[in-house]
Each structure stands twice: as structure tokens, then as C-alpha cells.
């Protein structure tokens, strides 16, 4: 399962999140959990550093954060009781690297309204589906139709609506001249 599929599964099972103001799992939360070495018993310190700089003209120091490289981290292996084995954790890391290296090259020809069509209901981008010859709301596609009603528009209907609007715009501009 991918991170979004895991998030959807946890939502469907009603498993609560640790977020105070949200009751929905997010793919980013799952990704953080799957890459956190704390779950295999390691204690990792010093992932970032805050640098204070005092200016001559200002009374207060400016705090700037900087992420440190993995080589600069302080790692204490086997610090506490692990929740998962080191082998399981490494297998997940290898699987995530493999999936990331595949990348996404698209599925052939780009649609006419790619990066232009947005859902009228929620405002998220629309993804073209070859098998349906329609555009589907990316939120519906990601979360499933259980979370939100299916936002879909047929390619030919969208094309006709855009052409009608363009013809009306041309007629209005000609009437003005």
C-alpha cells in the first residue's frame, strides 16, 4: 500500500489521529511515521540548529533555523524498546526508495485542459481519465467518493462549454467595435 492508501484505510477503520484539530489521516503524516527511526528504538538528536544573530540596530536577536545533514545528526542506537524490528524498518525504506525511483512519466498524451481545469465544487485540480474520457476531481480521486461527492465532467461537455464561451467573448468584442 502507498501512503495515501494507508491514510484512507486508517480513516475507514475510524482509527483516531494524534492531531488536536483534525480527525483525518494525511499522507504526509504516514510518510513521517514510516521514515522516523524512533520506532525502531533509535534516538536521533540534532536534526536542526537554531542560530541567533544580533544586529547592532535591533534590540532583539534574529533566530534562523537550519536543517543539518544526516551525517551531522546525533544517533543513539537501541536507546529504547522498539515498536518494529530494524529489518522491517529497512524493508520499508527500501520499498519507498524503489517506488520513488520509478517516478511518474504520465500516461501518454496530455489532455487538452491539463493544468487548466479545476473542480467547481472544491477548487482542486481535475485529472483526465482516458477510460472515462472525463475529468475527475483530484480530491475525489485521492480520498475516494466516500469523503466527497464525485466531481466529474465529460471532456466533450467541457470542450463545448469552453467553445461556447469563446464564441460569446468574440461576439461581444466585435459588437463593441
C-alpha atoms as a PDB file:
ATOM      1  CA  UNK A   1       0.000   0.000   0.000  1.00  0.00           C
ATOM      2  CA  UNK A   2       1.107   3.553  -0.654  1.00  0.00           C
ATOM      3  CA  UNK A   3       0.978   6.307   1.967  1.00  0.00           C
ATOM      4  CA  UNK A   4      -2.377   7.673   0.721  1.00  0.00           C
ATOM      5  CA  UNK A   5      -3.902   4.180   0.696  1.00  0.00           C
ATOM      6  CA  UNK A   6      -2.731   3.664   4.298  1.00  0.00           C
ATOM      7  CA  UNK A   7      -4.237   7.028   5.315  1.00  0.00           C
ATOM      8  CA  UNK A   8      -7.550   6.120   3.651  1.00  0.00           C
ATOM      9  CA  UNK A   9      -7.517   2.696   5.368  1.00  0.00           C
ATOM     10  CA  UNK A  10      -6.988   4.268   8.810  1.00  0.00           C
ATOM     11  CA  UNK A  11      -9.790   6.765   8.137  1.00  0.00           C
ATOM     12  CA  UNK A  12     -12.151   3.974   7.044  1.00  0.00           C
ATOM     13  CA  UNK A  13     -11.400   1.955  10.196  1.00  0.00           C
ATOM     14  CA  UNK A  14     -12.067   5.015  12.390  1.00  0.00           C
ATOM     15  CA  UNK A  15      -8.594   4.994  13.931  1.00  0.00           C
ATOM     16  CA  UNK A  16      -8.084   8.394  15.593  1.00  0.00           C
ATOM     17  CA  UNK A  17      -5.190  10.675  14.707  1.00  0.00           C
ATOM     18  CA  UNK A  18      -2.959  12.443  17.197  1.00  0.00           C
ATOM     19  CA  UNK A  19      -3.899  15.838  15.736  1.00  0.00           C
ATOM     20  CA  UNK A  20      -5.843  18.098  18.060  1.00  0.00           C
ATOM     21  CA  UNK A  21      -7.847  19.914  15.402  1.00  0.00           C
ATOM     22  CA  UNK A  22      -8.241  17.202  12.795  1.00  0.00           C
ATOM     23  CA  UNK A  23      -9.747  13.750  12.645  1.00  0.00           C
ATOM     24  CA  UNK A  24      -8.431  12.769   9.229  1.00  0.00           C
ATOM     25  CA  UNK A  25      -5.193  10.974   8.375  1.00  0.00           C
ATOM     26  CA  UNK A  26      -2.907  12.622   5.806  1.00  0.00           C
ATOM     27  CA  UNK A  27      -0.343  11.022   3.530  1.00  0.00           C
ATOM     28  CA  UNK A  28       2.363  13.350   4.892  1.00  0.00           C
ATOM     29  CA  UNK A  29       1.751  12.067   8.448  1.00  0.00           C
ATOM     30  CA  UNK A  30       2.073   8.467   7.291  1.00  0.00           C
ATOM     31  CA  UNK A  31       5.282   9.284   5.382  1.00  0.00           C
ATOM     32  CA  UNK A  32       6.788  10.885   8.513  1.00  0.00           C
ATOM     33  CA  UNK A  33       5.904   7.828  10.585  1.00  0.00           C
ATOM     34  CA  UNK A  34       7.382   5.427   8.055  1.00  0.00           C
ATOM     35  CA  UNK A  35      10.705   7.304   7.950  1.00  0.00           C
ATOM     36  CA  UNK A  36      11.047   8.019  11.694  1.00  0.00           C
ATOM     37  CA  UNK A  37      13.884   5.956  13.199  1.00  0.00           C
ATOM     38  CA  UNK A  38      12.393   6.394  16.671  1.00  0.00           C
ATOM     39  CA  UNK A  39      10.011   3.472  16.002  1.00  0.00           C
ATOM     40  CA  UNK A  40      12.927   1.021  15.676  1.00  0.00           C
ATOM     41  CA  UNK A  41      14.442   2.087  19.007  1.00  0.00           C
ATOM     42  CA  UNK A  42      16.939   4.756  17.915  1.00  0.00           C
ATOM     43  CA  UNK A  43      17.135   8.202  19.462  1.00  0.00           C
ATOM     44  CA  UNK A  44      18.006  10.871  16.904  1.00  0.00           C
ATOM     45  CA  UNK A  45      19.036  14.314  18.130  1.00  0.00           C
ATOM     46  CA  UNK A  46      20.284  17.435  16.380  1.00  0.00           C
ATOM     47  CA  UNK A  47      18.292  17.314  13.136  1.00  0.00           C
ATOM     48  CA  UNK A  48      18.232  21.113  13.031  1.00  0.00           C
ATOM     49  CA  UNK A  49      20.081  24.039  14.573  1.00  0.00           C
ATOM     50  CA  UNK A  50      18.870  27.498  15.551  1.00  0.00           C
ATOM     51  CA  UNK A  51      21.334  30.330  15.090  1.00  0.00           C
ATOM     52  CA  UNK A  52      20.807  33.660  16.863  1.00  0.00           C
ATOM     53  CA  UNK A  53      22.194  36.752  15.174  1.00  0.00           C
ATOM     54  CA  UNK A  54      22.148  40.083  16.925  1.00  0.00           C
ATOM     55  CA  UNK A  55      22.140  43.198  14.803  1.00  0.00           C
ATOM     56  CA  UNK A  56      23.673  46.447  16.021  1.00  0.00           C
ATOM     57  CA  UNK A  57      20.498  48.374  15.200  1.00  0.00           C
ATOM     58  CA  UNK A  58      17.988  45.903  16.681  1.00  0.00           C
ATOM     59  CA  UNK A  59      17.407  45.140  20.346  1.00  0.00           C
ATOM     60  CA  UNK A  60      16.333  41.527  19.782  1.00  0.00           C
ATOM     61  CA  UNK A  61      18.311  38.724  18.174  1.00  0.00           C
ATOM     62  CA  UNK A  62      17.044  37.162  14.945  1.00  0.00           C
ATOM     63  CA  UNK A  63      16.561  33.386  15.130  1.00  0.00           C
ATOM     64  CA  UNK A  64      17.260  31.421  11.978  1.00  0.00           C
ATOM     65  CA  UNK A  65      16.797  27.671  11.664  1.00  0.00           C
ATOM     66  CA  UNK A  66      18.935  25.352   9.573  1.00  0.00           C
ATOM     67  CA  UNK A  67      18.409  21.652   8.858  1.00  0.00           C
ATOM     68  CA  UNK A  68      21.505  19.545   9.445  1.00  0.00           C
ATOM     69  CA  UNK A  69      22.631  16.758   7.127  1.00  0.00           C
ATOM     70  CA  UNK A  70      22.224  13.131   8.217  1.00  0.00           C
ATOM     71  CA  UNK A  71      25.958  12.950   8.911  1.00  0.00           C
ATOM     72  CA  UNK A  72      25.664  15.736  11.497  1.00  0.00           C
ATOM     73  CA  UNK A  73      22.828  14.078  13.464  1.00  0.00           C
ATOM     74  CA  UNK A  74      23.490  12.525  16.851  1.00  0.00           C
ATOM     75  CA  UNK A  75      22.157   8.957  16.738  1.00  0.00           C
ATOM     76  CA  UNK A  76      21.947   6.689  19.781  1.00  0.00           C
ATOM     77  CA  UNK A  77      21.030   3.194  18.511  1.00  0.00           C
ATOM     78  CA  UNK A  78      18.905   0.847  20.660  1.00  0.00           C
ATOM     79  CA  UNK A  79      18.078   3.659  23.092  1.00  0.00           C
ATOM     80  CA  UNK A  80      14.610   2.325  23.926  1.00  0.00           C
ATOM     81  CA  UNK A  81      12.282  -0.606  23.252  1.00  0.00           C
ATOM     82  CA  UNK A  82      11.483  -0.668  19.509  1.00  0.00           C
ATOM     83  CA  UNK A  83       7.953  -0.935  18.117  1.00  0.00           C
ATOM     84  CA  UNK A  84       9.184  -2.605  14.916  1.00  0.00           C
ATOM     85  CA  UNK A  85      12.305  -4.566  14.057  1.00  0.00           C
ATOM     86  CA  UNK A  86      15.253  -2.964  12.290  1.00  0.00           C
ATOM     87  CA  UNK A  87      14.713  -5.383   9.374  1.00  0.00           C
ATOM     88  CA  UNK A  88      11.090  -4.269   8.948  1.00  0.00           C
ATOM     89  CA  UNK A  89      12.106  -0.612   9.030  1.00  0.00           C
ATOM     90  CA  UNK A  90      14.860  -1.131   6.452  1.00  0.00           C
ATOM     91  CA  UNK A  91      12.473  -3.106   4.211  1.00  0.00           C
ATOM     92  CA  UNK A  92      10.011  -0.184   4.283  1.00  0.00           C
ATOM     93  CA  UNK A  93      12.808   2.286   3.457  1.00  0.00           C
ATOM     94  CA  UNK A  94      13.929   0.136   0.516  1.00  0.00           C
ATOM     95  CA  UNK A  95      10.343  -0.139  -0.762  1.00  0.00           C
ATOM     96  CA  UNK A  96       9.821   3.635  -0.501  1.00  0.00           C
ATOM     97  CA  UNK A  97      13.093   4.290  -2.375  1.00  0.00           C
ATOM     98  CA  UNK A  98      12.078   1.823  -5.078  1.00  0.00           C
ATOM     99  CA  UNK A  99       8.669   3.475  -5.532  1.00  0.00           C
ATOM    100  CA  UNK A 100      10.245   6.953  -5.576  1.00  0.00           C
ATOM    101  CA  UNK A 101      12.842   5.965  -8.184  1.00  0.00           C
ATOM    102  CA  UNK A 102      10.137   4.792 -10.585  1.00  0.00           C
ATOM    103  CA  UNK A 103       8.799   8.315 -10.823  1.00  0.00           C
ATOM    104  CA  UNK A 104       5.743   9.264 -12.802  1.00  0.00           C
ATOM    105  CA  UNK A 105       6.130   9.725 -16.520  1.00  0.00           C
ATOM    106  CA  UNK A 106       2.495  10.331 -17.241  1.00  0.00           C
ATOM    107  CA  UNK A 107       0.121   8.078 -19.062  1.00  0.00           C
ATOM    108  CA  UNK A 108       0.675   9.026 -22.661  1.00  0.00           C
ATOM    109  CA  UNK A 109      -0.750  12.050 -24.404  1.00  0.00           C
ATOM    110  CA  UNK A 110      -1.527  15.133 -22.328  1.00  0.00           C
ATOM    111  CA  UNK A 111      -5.154  16.188 -22.213  1.00  0.00           C
ATOM    112  CA  UNK A 112      -6.398  19.442 -23.721  1.00  0.00           C
ATOM    113  CA  UNK A 113      -7.280  21.019 -20.373  1.00  0.00           C
ATOM    114  CA  UNK A 114      -4.344  19.656 -18.338  1.00  0.00           C
ATOM    115  CA  UNK A 115      -3.271  22.114 -15.606  1.00  0.00           C
ATOM    116  CA  UNK A 116      -6.225  24.348 -16.569  1.00  0.00           C
ATOM    117  CA  UNK A 117      -9.370  22.564 -15.344  1.00  0.00           C
ATOM    118  CA  UNK A 118     -10.337  22.965 -11.687  1.00  0.00           C
ATOM    119  CA  UNK A 119     -13.247  21.481  -9.724  1.00  0.00           C
ATOM    120  CA  UNK A 120     -16.198  23.863  -9.436  1.00  0.00           C
ATOM    121  CA  UNK A 121     -17.119  22.425  -6.013  1.00  0.00           C
ATOM    122  CA  UNK A 122     -13.826  22.293  -4.097  1.00  0.00           C
ATOM    123  CA  UNK A 123     -11.297  24.121  -6.319  1.00  0.00           C
ATOM    124  CA  UNK A 124      -8.759  21.297  -6.627  1.00  0.00           C
ATOM    125  CA  UNK A 125      -7.274  20.294  -9.976  1.00  0.00           C
ATOM    126  CA  UNK A 126      -9.021  17.918 -12.336  1.00  0.00           C
ATOM    127  CA  UNK A 127      -7.290  14.772 -13.629  1.00  0.00           C
ATOM    128  CA  UNK A 128      -8.121  13.344 -17.057  1.00  0.00           C
ATOM    129  CA  UNK A 129      -9.184   9.693 -17.166  1.00  0.00           C
ATOM    130  CA  UNK A 130      -8.701   8.008 -20.544  1.00  0.00           C
ATOM    131  CA  UNK A 131     -11.098   5.155 -19.821  1.00  0.00           C
ATOM    132  CA  UNK A 132     -13.973   7.553 -18.992  1.00  0.00           C
ATOM    133  CA  UNK A 133     -12.939  10.370 -21.353  1.00  0.00           C
ATOM    134  CA  UNK A 134     -13.707  12.667 -18.441  1.00  0.00           C
ATOM    135  CA  UNK A 135     -12.010  14.852 -15.854  1.00  0.00           C
ATOM    136  CA  UNK A 136     -12.242  13.779 -12.199  1.00  0.00           C
ATOM    137  CA  UNK A 137     -11.612  15.986  -9.167  1.00  0.00           C
ATOM    138  CA  UNK A 138      -8.199  15.137  -7.668  1.00  0.00           C
ATOM    139  CA  UNK A 139      -9.629  15.280  -4.121  1.00  0.00           C
ATOM    140  CA  UNK A 140     -12.247  12.672  -5.023  1.00  0.00           C
ATOM    141  CA  UNK A 141      -9.616  10.557  -6.710  1.00  0.00           C
ATOM    142  CA  UNK A 142      -7.255  10.781  -3.727  1.00  0.00           C
ATOM    143  CA  UNK A 143      -9.754  10.336  -0.892  1.00  0.00           C
ATOM    144  CA  UNK A 144     -12.391   8.309  -2.717  1.00  0.00           C
ATOM    145  CA  UNK A 145     -16.001   9.195  -3.349  1.00  0.00           C
ATOM    146  CA  UNK A 146     -16.874   8.325   0.285  1.00  0.00           C
ATOM    147  CA  UNK A 147     -15.256  11.546   1.508  1.00  0.00           C
ATOM    148  CA  UNK A 148     -16.803  13.884  -1.036  1.00  0.00           C
ATOM    149  CA  UNK A 149     -19.359  13.525  -3.808  1.00  0.00           C
ATOM    150  CA  UNK A 150     -17.856  12.587  -7.147  1.00  0.00           C
ATOM    151  CA  UNK A 151     -16.904  15.735  -9.060  1.00  0.00           C
ATOM    152  CA  UNK A 152     -16.642  14.756 -12.704  1.00  0.00           C
ATOM    153  CA  UNK A 153     -17.118  16.426 -16.090  1.00  0.00           C
ATOM    154  CA  UNK A 154     -17.087  14.839 -19.521  1.00  0.00           C
ATOM    155  CA  UNK A 155     -14.293  16.012 -21.852  1.00  0.00           C
ATOM    156  CA  UNK A 156     -16.635  16.790 -24.750  1.00  0.00           C
ATOM    157  CA  UNK A 157     -19.059  18.711 -22.470  1.00  0.00           C
ATOM    158  CA  UNK A 158     -16.168  20.803 -21.095  1.00  0.00           C
ATOM    159  CA  UNK A 159     -14.853  21.400 -24.620  1.00  0.00           C
ATOM    160  CA  UNK A 160     -18.294  22.540 -25.816  1.00  0.00           C
ATOM    161  CA  UNK A 161     -18.701  24.881 -22.831  1.00  0.00           C
ATOM    162  CA  UNK A 162     -15.290  26.473 -23.439  1.00  0.00           C
ATOM    163  CA  UNK A 163     -16.021  26.892 -27.181  1.00  0.00           C
ATOM    164  CA  UNK A 164     -19.415  28.472 -26.411  1.00  0.00           C
ATOM    165  CA  UNK A 165     -17.767  30.932 -24.003  1.00  0.00           C
ATOM    166  CA  UNK A 166     -15.077  31.788 -26.550  1.00  0.00           C
ATOM    167  CA  UNK A 167     -17.716  32.413 -29.269  1.00  0.00           C
ATOM    168  CA  UNK A 168     -19.678  34.660 -26.893  1.00  0.00           C
ATOM    169  CA  UNK A 169     -16.496  36.566 -25.998  1.00  0.00           C
ATOM    170  CA  UNK A 170     -15.653  37.052 -29.691  1.00  0.00           C
ATOM    171  CA  UNK A 171     -19.193  38.246 -30.478  1.00  0.00           C
ATOM    172  CA  UNK A 172     -19.111  40.730 -27.571  1.00  0.00           C
ATOM    173  CA  UNK A 173     -15.756  42.128 -28.681  1.00  0.00           C
ATOM    174  CA  UNK A 174     -16.992  42.501 -32.290  1.00  0.00           C
ATOM    175  CA  UNK A 175     -20.169  44.279 -31.092  1.00  0.00           C
ATOM    176  CA  UNK A 176     -18.086  46.707 -29.068  1.00  0.00           C
ATOM    177  CA  UNK A 177     -16.087  47.733 -32.144  1.00  0.00           C
END
